[in-house]
Amino acid sequence: MSMTQEKMYMNVDDVCAVLGVSKAFAYKIMKGYNEELKERGFLVIPGKVSTKFLAEKIYGMKVEE
């Protein structure tokens, strides 16, 4: 299984590995995405981002349930 199928949430190290970015940039991405989810009424966990949402935003793919 790929990382997007294994975990419901990704931490900063996961985001760094998937996107190949620094921790500082990964945190910036995660913060922005979590703010967007919060505005939509979702509960967010600081320091983590939804794997499904990240895949949809970055890769434009729909992750099936």
C-alpha atoms as a PDB file:
ATOM      1  CA  MET A   1       0.000   0.000   0.000  1.00  0.00           C
ATOM      2  CA  SER A   2       1.080   3.548  -0.609  1.00  0.00           C
ATOM      3  CA  MET A   3       1.373   6.118   2.162  1.00  0.00           C
ATOM      4  CA  THR A   4      -1.867   7.785   1.066  1.00  0.00           C
ATOM      5  CA  GLN A   5      -3.763   4.531   1.641  1.00  0.00           C
ATOM      6  CA  GLU A   6      -2.164   3.632   4.973  1.00  0.00           C
ATOM      7  CA  LYS A   7      -2.660   6.733   7.111  1.00  0.00           C
ATOM      8  CA  MET A   8      -5.630   8.969   7.747  1.00  0.00           C
ATOM      9  CA  TYR A   9      -3.387  11.863   8.811  1.00  0.00           C
ATOM     10  CA  MET A  10       0.140  12.840   7.892  1.00  0.00           C
ATOM     11  CA  ASN A  11       2.657  14.539  10.163  1.00  0.00           C
ATOM     12  CA  VAL A  12       5.373  16.940   9.076  1.00  0.00           C
ATOM     13  CA  ASP A  13       7.889  14.177   8.346  1.00  0.00           C
ATOM     14  CA  ASP A  14       5.377  12.416   6.090  1.00  0.00           C
ATOM     15  CA  VAL A  15       4.646  15.637   4.192  1.00  0.00           C
ATOM     16  CA  CYS A  16       8.390  16.308   3.800  1.00  0.00           C
ATOM     17  CA  ALA A  17       8.937  12.815   2.408  1.00  0.00           C
ATOM     18  CA  VAL A  18       6.025  12.943  -0.031  1.00  0.00           C
ATOM     19  CA  LEU A  19       6.658  16.454  -1.331  1.00  0.00           C
ATOM     20  CA  GLY A  20      10.433  16.642  -0.943  1.00  0.00           C
ATOM     21  CA  VAL A  21      10.324  19.943   0.936  1.00  0.00           C
ATOM     22  CA  SER A  22      11.850  21.284   4.157  1.00  0.00           C
ATOM     23  CA  LYS A  23      10.076  20.958   7.485  1.00  0.00           C
ATOM     24  CA  ALA A  24       9.486  24.712   7.594  1.00  0.00           C
ATOM     25  CA  PHE A  25       7.741  24.656   4.218  1.00  0.00           C
ATOM     26  CA  ALA A  26       5.792  21.514   5.110  1.00  0.00           C
ATOM     27  CA  TYR A  27       4.477  23.193   8.264  1.00  0.00           C
ATOM     28  CA  LYS A  28       3.458  26.223   6.194  1.00  0.00           C
ATOM     29  CA  ILE A  29       1.544  24.019   3.756  1.00  0.00           C
ATOM     30  CA  MET A  30      -0.094  22.073   6.578  1.00  0.00           C
ATOM     31  CA  LYS A  31      -1.146  25.235   8.392  1.00  0.00           C
ATOM     32  CA  GLY A  32      -2.759  26.658   5.263  1.00  0.00           C
ATOM     33  CA  TYR A  33      -4.617  23.455   4.471  1.00  0.00           C
ATOM     34  CA  ASN A  34      -5.811  23.090   8.053  1.00  0.00           C
ATOM     35  CA  GLU A  35      -7.097  26.678   8.001  1.00  0.00           C
ATOM     36  CA  GLU A  36      -9.004  25.878   4.812  1.00  0.00           C
ATOM     37  CA  LEU A  37     -10.504  22.747   6.383  1.00  0.00           C
ATOM     38  CA  LYS A  38     -11.406  24.658   9.557  1.00  0.00           C
ATOM     39  CA  GLU A  39     -13.247  27.286   7.488  1.00  0.00           C
ATOM     40  CA  ARG A  40     -15.246  24.451   5.927  1.00  0.00           C
ATOM     41  CA  GLY A  41     -16.273  23.318   9.393  1.00  0.00           C
ATOM     42  CA  PHE A  42     -13.946  20.348   9.820  1.00  0.00           C
ATOM     43  CA  LEU A  43     -12.100  19.514  12.997  1.00  0.00           C
ATOM     44  CA  VAL A  44      -8.342  19.816  12.486  1.00  0.00           C
ATOM     45  CA  ILE A  45      -5.416  18.456  14.444  1.00  0.00           C
ATOM     46  CA  PRO A  46      -2.458  20.842  14.781  1.00  0.00           C
ATOM     47  CA  GLY A  47       0.717  19.304  13.382  1.00  0.00           C
ATOM     48  CA  LYS A  48      -1.194  16.887  11.154  1.00  0.00           C
ATOM     49  CA  VAL A  49      -3.045  17.153   7.889  1.00  0.00           C
ATOM     50  CA  SER A  50      -5.617  14.877   6.297  1.00  0.00           C
ATOM     51  CA  THR A  51      -3.924  12.503   3.868  1.00  0.00           C
ATOM     52  CA  LYS A  52      -6.962  12.559   1.597  1.00  0.00           C
ATOM     53  CA  PHE A  53      -7.122  16.362   1.524  1.00  0.00           C
ATOM     54  CA  LEU A  54      -3.373  16.665   0.846  1.00  0.00           C
ATOM     55  CA  ALA A  55      -3.608  14.211  -2.048  1.00  0.00           C
ATOM     56  CA  GLU A  56      -6.541  16.098  -3.549  1.00  0.00           C
ATOM     57  CA  LYS A  57      -4.831  19.493  -3.193  1.00  0.00           C
ATOM     58  CA  ILE A  58      -1.347  18.502  -4.335  1.00  0.00           C
ATOM     59  CA  TYR A  59      -1.979  15.803  -6.885  1.00  0.00           C
ATOM     60  CA  GLY A  60      -5.515  16.617  -7.954  1.00  0.00           C
ATOM     61  CA  MET A  61      -6.587  13.028  -7.376  1.00  0.00           C
ATOM     62  CA  LYS A  62      -9.660  11.784  -5.632  1.00  0.00           C
ATOM     63  CA  VAL A  63      -8.846   9.313  -2.893  1.00  0.00           C
ATOM     64  CA  GLU A  64     -11.568   6.737  -2.459  1.00  0.00           C
ATOM     65  CA  GLU A  65     -12.856   5.877   0.993  1.00  0.00           C
END
